[in-house]
Structure formats: C-alpha cells, structure tokens
PDB file of all heavy atoms in Angstrom:
ATOM      1  N   GLN A   1      14.585   5.535 -19.626  1.00  0.00           N
ATOM      2  CA  GLN A   1      14.011   5.906 -18.293  1.00  0.00           C
ATOM      3  C   GLN A   1      12.561   5.418 -18.258  1.00  0.00           C
ATOM      4  O   GLN A   1      11.791   5.663 -19.191  1.00  0.00           O
ATOM      5  CB  GLN A   1      14.111   7.405 -18.054  1.00  0.00           C
ATOM      6  CG  GLN A   1      13.588   7.819 -16.702  1.00  0.00           C
ATOM      7  CD  GLN A   1      13.774   9.322 -16.465  1.00  0.00           C
ATOM      8  OE1 GLN A   1      14.392   9.978 -17.294  1.00  0.00           O
ATOM      9  NE2 GLN A   1      13.275   9.782 -15.341  1.00  0.00           N
ATOM     10  N   ILE A   2      12.172   4.830 -17.152  1.00  0.00           N
ATOM     11  CA  ILE A   2      10.770   4.409 -16.996  1.00  0.00           C
ATOM     12  C   ILE A   2       9.894   5.598 -16.790  1.00  0.00           C
ATOM     13  O   ILE A   2      10.154   6.499 -15.930  1.00  0.00           O
ATOM     14  CB  ILE A   2      10.633   3.490 -15.775  1.00  0.00           C
ATOM     15  CG1 ILE A   2      11.452   2.171 -16.024  1.00  0.00           C
ATOM     16  CG2 ILE A   2       9.194   3.094 -15.555  1.00  0.00           C
ATOM     17  CD1 ILE A   2      11.481   1.248 -14.845  1.00  0.00           C
ATOM     18  N   PRO A   3       8.806   5.754 -17.580  1.00  0.00           N
ATOM     19  CA  PRO A   3       7.868   6.862 -17.395  1.00  0.00           C
ATOM     20  C   PRO A   3       7.272   6.871 -15.970  1.00  0.00           C
ATOM     21  O   PRO A   3       7.158   5.794 -15.374  1.00  0.00           O
ATOM     22  CB  PRO A   3       6.814   6.655 -18.481  1.00  0.00           C
ATOM     23  CG  PRO A   3       7.476   5.736 -19.445  1.00  0.00           C
ATOM     24  CD  PRO A   3       8.360   4.837 -18.654  1.00  0.00           C
ATOM     25  N   SER A   4       6.916   8.016 -15.501  1.00  0.00           N
ATOM     26  CA  SER A   4       6.277   8.042 -14.199  1.00  0.00           C
ATOM     27  C   SER A   4       4.876   7.463 -14.293  1.00  0.00           C
ATOM     28  O   SER A   4       4.310   7.231 -15.355  1.00  0.00           O
ATOM     29  CB  SER A   4       6.145   9.507 -13.730  1.00  0.00           C
ATOM     30  OG  SER A   4       5.235  10.228 -14.517  1.00  0.00           O
ATOM     31  N   ARG A   5       4.322   7.107 -13.120  1.00  0.00           N
ATOM     32  CA  ARG A   5       2.943   6.627 -13.069  1.00  0.00           C
ATOM     33  C   ARG A   5       1.963   7.586 -13.736  1.00  0.00           C
ATOM     34  O   ARG A   5       1.052   7.205 -14.471  1.00  0.00           O
ATOM     35  CB  ARG A   5       2.536   6.378 -11.620  1.00  0.00           C
ATOM     36  CG  ARG A   5       1.118   5.819 -11.435  1.00  0.00           C
ATOM     37  CD  ARG A   5       0.747   5.807  -9.978  1.00  0.00           C
ATOM     38  NE  ARG A   5       1.577   4.889  -9.185  1.00  0.00           N
ATOM     39  CZ  ARG A   5       1.290   3.548  -9.010  1.00  0.00           C
ATOM     40  NH1 ARG A   5       0.186   3.101  -9.562  1.00  0.00           N
ATOM     41  NH2 ARG A   5       2.085   2.828  -8.264  1.00  0.00           N
ATOM     42  N   GLU A   6       2.165   8.881 -13.463  1.00  0.00           N
ATOM     43  CA  GLU A   6       1.283   9.928 -14.003  1.00  0.00           C
ATOM     44  C   GLU A   6       1.386   9.988 -15.539  1.00  0.00           C
ATOM     45  O   GLU A   6       0.414  10.135 -16.227  1.00  0.00           O
ATOM     46  CB  GLU A   6       1.562  11.291 -13.405  1.00  0.00           C
ATOM     47  CG  GLU A   6       1.253  11.427 -11.937  1.00  0.00           C
ATOM     48  CD  GLU A   6       2.184  10.601 -11.034  1.00  0.00           C
ATOM     49  OE1 GLU A   6       3.290  10.303 -11.436  1.00  0.00           O
ATOM     50  OE2 GLU A   6       1.728  10.296  -9.883  1.00  0.00           O
ATOM     51  N   GLU A   7       2.601   9.817 -16.052  1.00  0.00           N
ATOM     52  CA  GLU A   7       2.800   9.843 -17.501  1.00  0.00           C
ATOM     53  C   GLU A   7       2.099   8.637 -18.149  1.00  0.00           C
ATOM     54  O   GLU A   7       1.490   8.802 -19.216  1.00  0.00           O
ATOM     55  CB  GLU A   7       4.278   9.891 -17.839  1.00  0.00           C
ATOM     56  CG  GLU A   7       4.962  11.225 -17.518  1.00  0.00           C
ATOM     57  CD  GLU A   7       6.476  11.091 -17.668  1.00  0.00           C
ATOM     58  OE1 GLU A   7       7.042  10.053 -17.357  1.00  0.00           O
ATOM     59  OE2 GLU A   7       7.061  12.140 -18.076  1.00  0.00           O
ATOM     60  N   MET A   8       2.277   7.522 -17.589  1.00  0.00           N
ATOM     61  CA  MET A   8       1.663   6.303 -18.179  1.00  0.00           C
ATOM     62  C   MET A   8       0.130   6.389 -18.085  1.00  0.00           C
ATOM     63  O   MET A   8      -0.615   5.996 -18.993  1.00  0.00           O
ATOM     64  CB  MET A   8       2.171   5.070 -17.505  1.00  0.00           C
ATOM     65  CG  MET A   8       3.671   4.831 -17.759  1.00  0.00           C
ATOM     66  SD  MET A   8       4.254   3.136 -17.390  1.00  0.00           S
ATOM     67  CE  MET A   8       3.567   2.276 -18.804  1.00  0.00           C
ATOM     68  N   LEU A   9      -0.375   6.940 -16.962  1.00  0.00           N
ATOM     69  CA  LEU A   9      -1.818   7.065 -16.790  1.00  0.00           C
ATOM     70  C   LEU A   9      -2.367   8.043 -17.857  1.00  0.00           C
ATOM     71  O   LEU A   9      -3.404   7.812 -18.455  1.00  0.00           O
ATOM     72  CB  LEU A   9      -2.151   7.541 -15.389  1.00  0.00           C
ATOM     73  CG  LEU A   9      -3.685   7.744 -15.083  1.00  0.00           C
ATOM     74  CD1 LEU A   9      -4.466   6.478 -15.320  1.00  0.00           C
ATOM     75  CD2 LEU A   9      -3.805   8.277 -13.690  1.00  0.00           C
ATOM     76  N   HIS A  10      -1.671   9.127 -18.020  1.00  0.00           N
ATOM     77  CA  HIS A  10      -2.156  10.138 -18.974  1.00  0.00           C
ATOM     78  C   HIS A  10      -2.195   9.568 -20.383  1.00  0.00           C
ATOM     79  O   HIS A  10      -3.125   9.809 -21.146  1.00  0.00           O
ATOM     80  CB  HIS A  10      -1.205  11.363 -18.958  1.00  0.00           C
ATOM     81  CG  HIS A  10      -1.599  12.435 -19.929  1.00  0.00           C
ATOM     82  ND1 HIS A  10      -2.724  13.155 -19.818  1.00  0.00           N
ATOM     83  CD2 HIS A  10      -0.984  12.879 -21.020  1.00  0.00           C
ATOM     84  CE1 HIS A  10      -2.832  14.009 -20.800  1.00  0.00           C
ATOM     85  NE2 HIS A  10      -1.793  13.867 -21.574  1.00  0.00           N
ATOM     86  N   ALA A  11      -1.225   8.720 -20.775  1.00  0.00           N
ATOM     87  CA  ALA A  11      -1.189   8.139 -22.098  1.00  0.00           C
ATOM     88  C   ALA A  11      -2.406   7.173 -22.237  1.00  0.00           C
ATOM     89  O   ALA A  11      -3.033   7.162 -23.343  1.00  0.00           O
ATOM     90  CB  ALA A  11       0.071   7.346 -22.324  1.00  0.00           C
ATOM     91  N   LEU A  12      -2.752   6.469 -21.167  1.00  0.00           N
ATOM     92  CA  LEU A  12      -3.924   5.587 -21.274  1.00  0.00           C
ATOM     93  C   LEU A  12      -5.198   6.376 -21.297  1.00  0.00           C
ATOM     94  O   LEU A  12      -6.179   5.999 -22.019  1.00  0.00           O
ATOM     95  CB  LEU A  12      -3.892   4.640 -20.038  1.00  0.00           C
ATOM     96  CG  LEU A  12      -2.834   3.576 -20.059  1.00  0.00           C
ATOM     97  CD1 LEU A  12      -2.743   2.904 -18.677  1.00  0.00           C
ATOM     98  CD2 LEU A  12      -3.164   2.535 -21.093  1.00  0.00           C
ATOM     99  N   GLU A  13      -5.244   7.464 -20.556  1.00  0.00           N
ATOM    100  CA  GLU A  13      -6.459   8.311 -20.625  1.00  0.00           C
ATOM    101  C   GLU A  13      -6.676   8.928 -21.958  1.00  0.00           C
ATOM    102  O   GLU A  13      -7.849   9.027 -22.425  1.00  0.00           O
ATOM    103  CB  GLU A  13      -6.365   9.393 -19.510  1.00  0.00           C
ATOM    104  CG  GLU A  13      -6.474   8.903 -18.110  1.00  0.00           C
ATOM    105  CD  GLU A  13      -6.192  10.014 -17.085  1.00  0.00           C
ATOM    106  OE1 GLU A  13      -5.605  11.028 -17.426  1.00  0.00           O
ATOM    107  OE2 GLU A  13      -6.585   9.833 -15.903  1.00  0.00           O
ATOM    108  N   GLU A  14      -5.616   9.256 -22.625  1.00  0.00           N
ATOM    109  CA  GLU A  14      -5.755   9.864 -23.971  1.00  0.00           C
ATOM    110  C   GLU A  14      -6.276   8.797 -24.964  1.00  0.00           C
ATOM    111  O   GLU A  14      -7.039   9.068 -25.894  1.00  0.00           O
ATOM    112  CB  GLU A  14      -4.346  10.346 -24.500  1.00  0.00           C
ATOM    113  CG  GLU A  14      -3.927  11.651 -23.851  1.00  0.00           C
ATOM    114  CD  GLU A  14      -2.787  12.259 -24.556  1.00  0.00           C
ATOM    115  OE1 GLU A  14      -1.876  11.468 -25.015  1.00  0.00           O
ATOM    116  OE2 GLU A  14      -2.717  13.484 -24.724  1.00  0.00           O
ATOM    117  N   ARG A  15      -5.940   7.541 -24.709  1.00  0.00           N
ATOM    118  CA  ARG A  15      -6.423   6.426 -25.568  1.00  0.00           C
ATOM    119  C   ARG A  15      -7.844   6.016 -25.218  1.00  0.00           C
ATOM    120  O   ARG A  15      -8.662   5.817 -26.120  1.00  0.00           O
ATOM    121  CB  ARG A  15      -5.449   5.226 -25.386  1.00  0.00           C
ATOM    122  CG  ARG A  15      -5.856   3.989 -26.205  1.00  0.00           C
ATOM    123  CD  ARG A  15      -5.796   4.268 -27.708  1.00  0.00           C
ATOM    124  NE  ARG A  15      -4.389   4.663 -28.097  1.00  0.00           N
ATOM    125  CZ  ARG A  15      -4.100   4.997 -29.319  1.00  0.00           C
ATOM    126  NH1 ARG A  15      -5.025   4.975 -30.284  1.00  0.00           N
ATOM    127  NH2 ARG A  15      -2.894   5.325 -29.658  1.00  0.00           N
ATOM    128  N   HIS A  16      -8.151   5.848 -23.948  1.00  0.00           N
ATOM    129  CA  HIS A  16      -9.439   5.291 -23.534  1.00  0.00           C
ATOM    130  C   HIS A  16     -10.441   6.305 -23.042  1.00  0.00           C
ATOM    131  O   HIS A  16     -11.667   6.016 -22.968  1.00  0.00           O
ATOM    132  CB  HIS A  16      -9.209   4.276 -22.397  1.00  0.00           C
ATOM    133  CG  HIS A  16      -8.328   3.179 -22.747  1.00  0.00           C
ATOM    134  ND1 HIS A  16      -7.420   2.588 -21.858  1.00  0.00           N
ATOM    135  CD2 HIS A  16      -8.170   2.459 -23.909  1.00  0.00           C
ATOM    136  CE1 HIS A  16      -6.757   1.620 -22.427  1.00  0.00           C
ATOM    137  NE2 HIS A  16      -7.160   1.536 -23.679  1.00  0.00           N
ATOM    138  N   GLY A  17     -10.023   7.523 -22.682  1.00  0.00           N
ATOM    139  CA  GLY A  17     -10.861   8.462 -22.035  1.00  0.00           C
ATOM    140  C   GLY A  17     -10.677   8.421 -20.543  1.00  0.00           C
ATOM    141  O   GLY A  17     -10.415   7.319 -20.014  1.00  0.00           O
ATOM    142  N   ILE A  18     -10.895   9.520 -19.844  1.00  0.00           N
ATOM    143  CA  ILE A  18     -10.608   9.590 -18.451  1.00  0.00           C
ATOM    144  C   ILE A  18     -11.508   8.662 -17.638  1.00  0.00           C
ATOM    145  O   ILE A  18     -11.070   7.904 -16.775  1.00  0.00           O
ATOM    146  CB  ILE A  18     -10.672  11.065 -17.968  1.00  0.00           C
ATOM    147  CG1 ILE A  18      -9.546  11.905 -18.534  1.00  0.00           C
ATOM    148  CG2 ILE A  18     -10.627  11.109 -16.423  1.00  0.00           C
ATOM    149  CD1 ILE A  18      -9.657  13.425 -18.209  1.00  0.00           C
ATOM    150  N   GLU A  19     -12.806   8.745 -17.914  1.00  0.00           N
ATOM    151  CA  GLU A  19     -13.793   7.959 -17.092  1.00  0.00           C
ATOM    152  C   GLU A  19     -13.602   6.468 -17.302  1.00  0.00           C
ATOM    153  O   GLU A  19     -13.675   5.683 -16.373  1.00  0.00           O
ATOM    154  CB  GLU A  19     -15.207   8.408 -17.421  1.00  0.00           C
ATOM    155  CG  GLU A  19     -15.505   9.798 -16.983  1.00  0.00           C
ATOM    156  CD  GLU A  19     -15.222  10.050 -15.481  1.00  0.00           C
ATOM    157  OE1 GLU A  19     -15.599   9.132 -14.661  1.00  0.00           O
ATOM    158  OE2 GLU A  19     -14.601  11.053 -15.115  1.00  0.00           O
ATOM    159  N   THR A  20     -13.399   6.070 -18.558  1.00  0.00           N
ATOM    160  CA  THR A  20     -13.174   4.681 -18.813  1.00  0.00           C
ATOM    161  C   THR A  20     -11.887   4.157 -18.132  1.00  0.00           C
ATOM    162  O   THR A  20     -11.879   3.090 -17.557  1.00  0.00           O
ATOM    163  CB  THR A  20     -13.049   4.388 -20.337  1.00  0.00           C
ATOM    164  OG1 THR A  20     -14.336   4.729 -20.953  1.00  0.00           O
ATOM    165  CG2 THR A  20     -12.698   2.984 -20.666  1.00  0.00           C
ATOM    166  N   GLN A  21     -10.891   4.970 -18.211  1.00  0.00           N
ATOM    167  CA  GLN A  21      -9.602   4.537 -17.590  1.00  0.00           C
ATOM    168  C   GLN A  21      -9.721   4.441 -16.091  1.00  0.00           C
ATOM    169  O   GLN A  21      -9.068   3.600 -15.424  1.00  0.00           O
ATOM    170  CB  GLN A  21      -8.431   5.487 -17.989  1.00  0.00           C
ATOM    171  CG  GLN A  21      -7.082   4.949 -17.574  1.00  0.00           C
ATOM    172  CD  GLN A  21      -6.814   3.566 -18.132  1.00  0.00           C
ATOM    173  OE1 GLN A  21      -7.013   3.307 -19.305  1.00  0.00           O
ATOM    174  NE2 GLN A  21      -6.411   2.662 -17.246  1.00  0.00           N
ATOM    175  N   LYS A  22     -10.526   5.303 -15.497  1.00  0.00           N
ATOM    176  CA  LYS A  22     -10.772   5.172 -14.053  1.00  0.00           C
ATOM    177  C   LYS A  22     -11.342   3.834 -13.685  1.00  0.00           C
ATOM    178  O   LYS A  22     -10.956   3.211 -12.715  1.00  0.00           O
ATOM    179  CB  LYS A  22     -11.755   6.301 -13.605  1.00  0.00           C
ATOM    180  CG  LYS A  22     -11.102   7.665 -13.418  1.00  0.00           C
ATOM    181  CD  LYS A  22     -12.135   8.659 -12.895  1.00  0.00           C
ATOM    182  CE  LYS A  22     -11.549  10.040 -12.733  1.00  0.00           C
ATOM    183  NZ  LYS A  22     -12.564  11.015 -12.280  1.00  0.00           N
ATOM    184  N   ARG A  23     -12.259   3.334 -14.511  1.00  0.00           N
ATOM    185  CA  ARG A  23     -12.837   2.016 -14.301  1.00  0.00           C
ATOM    186  C   ARG A  23     -11.786   0.918 -14.409  1.00  0.00           C
ATOM    187  O   ARG A  23     -11.734   0.006 -13.615  1.00  0.00           O
ATOM    188  CB  ARG A  23     -13.966   1.741 -15.274  1.00  0.00           C
ATOM    189  CG  ARG A  23     -15.172   2.628 -15.131  1.00  0.00           C
ATOM    190  CD  ARG A  23     -16.188   2.363 -16.217  1.00  0.00           C
ATOM    191  NE  ARG A  23     -17.370   3.235 -16.114  1.00  0.00           N
ATOM    192  CZ  ARG A  23     -18.600   2.799 -15.996  1.00  0.00           C
ATOM    193  NH1 ARG A  23     -18.856   1.489 -15.971  1.00  0.00           N
ATOM    194  NH2 ARG A  23     -19.616   3.656 -15.906  1.00  0.00           N
ATOM    195  N   PHE A  24     -10.965   1.034 -15.439  1.00  0.00           N
ATOM    196  CA  PHE A  24      -9.899   0.073 -15.654  1.00  0.00           C
ATOM    197  C   PHE A  24      -8.925   0.045 -14.481  1.00  0.00           C
ATOM    198  O   PHE A  24      -8.457  -0.969 -13.959  1.00  0.00           O
ATOM    199  CB  PHE A  24      -9.162   0.294 -16.971  1.00  0.00           C
ATOM    200  CG  PHE A  24     -10.015   0.067 -18.221  1.00  0.00           C
ATOM    201  CD1 PHE A  24      -9.511   0.383 -19.461  1.00  0.00           C
ATOM    202  CD2 PHE A  24     -11.276  -0.457 -18.148  1.00  0.00           C
ATOM    203  CE1 PHE A  24     -10.225   0.208 -20.623  1.00  0.00           C
ATOM    204  CE2 PHE A  24     -12.039  -0.613 -19.275  1.00  0.00           C
ATOM    205  CZ  PHE A  24     -11.512  -0.304 -20.546  1.00  0.00           C
ATOM    206  N   SER A  25      -8.528   1.242 -14.077  1.00  0.00           N
ATOM    207  CA  SER A  25      -7.495   1.371 -13.030  1.00  0.00           C
ATOM    208  C   SER A  25      -7.973   0.853 -11.664  1.00  0.00           C
ATOM    209  O   SER A  25      -7.157   0.372 -10.836  1.00  0.00           O
ATOM    210  CB  SER A  25      -7.074   2.855 -12.927  1.00  0.00           C
ATOM    211  OG  SER A  25      -6.473   3.311 -14.114  1.00  0.00           O
ATOM    212  N   LYS A  26      -9.238   0.942 -11.396  1.00  0.00           N
ATOM    213  CA  LYS A  26      -9.812   0.429 -10.144  1.00  0.00           C
ATOM    214  C   LYS A  26     -10.091  -1.041 -10.123  1.00  0.00           C
ATOM    215  O   LYS A  26     -10.332  -1.592  -9.093  1.00  0.00           O
ATOM    216  CB  LYS A  26     -11.154   1.218  -9.848  1.00  0.00           C
ATOM    217  CG  LYS A  26     -10.916   2.668  -9.451  1.00  0.00           C
ATOM    218  CD  LYS A  26     -12.196   3.298  -8.873  1.00  0.00           C
ATOM    219  CE  LYS A  26     -13.343   3.194  -9.814  1.00  0.00           C
ATOM    220  NZ  LYS A  26     -14.597   3.813  -9.286  1.00  0.00           N
ATOM    221  N   ALA A  27     -10.070  -1.647 -11.311  1.00  0.00           N
ATOM    222  CA  ALA A  27     -10.488  -3.076 -11.418  1.00  0.00           C
ATOM    223  C   ALA A  27      -9.436  -4.041 -10.943  1.00  0.00           C
ATOM    224  O   ALA A  27      -8.216  -3.781 -11.013  1.00  0.00           O
ATOM    225  CB  ALA A  27     -10.803  -3.396 -12.883  1.00  0.00           C
ATOM    226  N   SER A  28      -9.956  -5.174 -10.376  1.00  0.00           N
ATOM    227  CA  SER A  28      -9.081  -6.310 -10.060  1.00  0.00           C
ATOM    228  C   SER A  28      -9.616  -7.512 -10.768  1.00  0.00           C
ATOM    229  O   SER A  28     -10.797  -7.891 -10.658  1.00  0.00           O
ATOM    230  CB  SER A  28      -9.136  -6.558  -8.556  1.00  0.00           C
ATOM    231  OG  SER A  28      -8.290  -7.618  -8.171  1.00  0.00           O
ATOM    232  N   VAL A  29      -8.738  -8.125 -11.565  1.00  0.00           N
ATOM    233  CA  VAL A  29      -9.140  -9.273 -12.454  1.00  0.00           C
ATOM    234  C   VAL A  29      -8.277 -10.454 -12.082  1.00  0.00           C
ATOM    235  O   VAL A  29      -7.036 -10.376 -12.041  1.00  0.00           O
ATOM    236  CB  VAL A  29      -9.037  -8.899 -13.937  1.00  0.00           C
ATOM    237  CG1 VAL A  29      -9.386 -10.117 -14.785  1.00  0.00           C
ATOM    238  CG2 VAL A  29      -9.932  -7.669 -14.225  1.00  0.00           C
ATOM    239  N   ALA A  30      -8.868 -11.588 -11.891  1.00  0.00           N
ATOM    240  CA  ALA A  30      -8.132 -12.852 -11.685  1.00  0.00           C
ATOM    241  C   ALA A  30      -7.991 -13.609 -13.020  1.00  0.00           C
ATOM    242  O   ALA A  30      -8.905 -13.657 -13.805  1.00  0.00           O
ATOM    243  CB  ALA A  30      -8.884 -13.740 -10.689  1.00  0.00           C
ATOM    244  N   ILE A  31      -6.827 -14.147 -13.222  1.00  0.00           N
ATOM    245  CA  ILE A  31      -6.547 -14.963 -14.421  1.00  0.00           C
ATOM    246  C   ILE A  31      -6.142 -16.332 -13.948  1.00  0.00           C
ATOM    247  O   ILE A  31      -5.018 -16.489 -13.343  1.00  0.00           O
ATOM    248  CB  ILE A  31      -5.485 -14.336 -15.289  1.00  0.00           C
ATOM    249  CG1 ILE A  31      -5.981 -12.934 -15.728  1.00  0.00           C
ATOM    250  CG2 ILE A  31      -5.222 -15.198 -16.554  1.00  0.00           C
ATOM    251  CD1 ILE A  31      -4.928 -12.088 -16.448  1.00  0.00           C
ATOM    252  N   CYS A  32      -6.925 -17.308 -14.238  1.00  0.00           N
ATOM    253  CA  CYS A  32      -6.745 -18.695 -13.670  1.00  0.00           C
ATOM    254  C   CYS A  32      -6.196 -19.563 -14.811  1.00  0.00           C
ATOM    255  O   CYS A  32      -6.902 -19.959 -15.729  1.00  0.00           O
ATOM    256  CB  CYS A  32      -8.023 -19.245 -13.152  1.00  0.00           C
ATOM    257  SG  CYS A  32      -8.795 -18.146 -11.953  1.00  0.00           S
ATOM    258  N   GLY A  33      -4.929 -19.874 -14.741  1.00  0.00           N
ATOM    259  CA  GLY A  33      -4.232 -20.585 -15.799  1.00  0.00           C
ATOM    260  C   GLY A  33      -3.413 -19.610 -16.629  1.00  0.00           C
ATOM    261  O   GLY A  33      -4.017 -18.647 -17.172  1.00  0.00           O
ATOM    262  N   LEU A  34      -2.125 -19.805 -16.719  1.00  0.00           N
ATOM    263  CA  LEU A  34      -1.252 -18.851 -17.404  1.00  0.00           C
ATOM    264  C   LEU A  34      -0.597 -19.413 -18.580  1.00  0.00           C
ATOM    265  O   LEU A  34       0.552 -19.182 -18.910  1.00  0.00           O
ATOM    266  CB  LEU A  34      -0.196 -18.292 -16.401  1.00  0.00           C
ATOM    267  CG  LEU A  34      -0.784 -17.695 -15.054  1.00  0.00           C
ATOM    268  CD1 LEU A  34       0.377 -17.249 -14.181  1.00  0.00           C
ATOM    269  CD2 LEU A  34      -1.703 -16.548 -15.406  1.00  0.00           C
TER     270      LEU A  34
END
C-alpha cells in the first residue's frame, strides 16, 4: 500500500527536521538534461 502524503512527509521531517523539510517541500527545481 502506498503511504499517505502525511506519512511520507513525517518520515522526511524525522530525517531532515520540520523547518528544513518545509523549505524542500516548497521548492521548485528545474533539471535540464535527463
């Protein structure tokens, strides 16, 4: 079963910290060339 958005976010927050993860979650990054 695919974890919920909240479950995946919580796992990332535990790894990175809540404030850091907020920055990552709000970011938009372009990747030119794949």
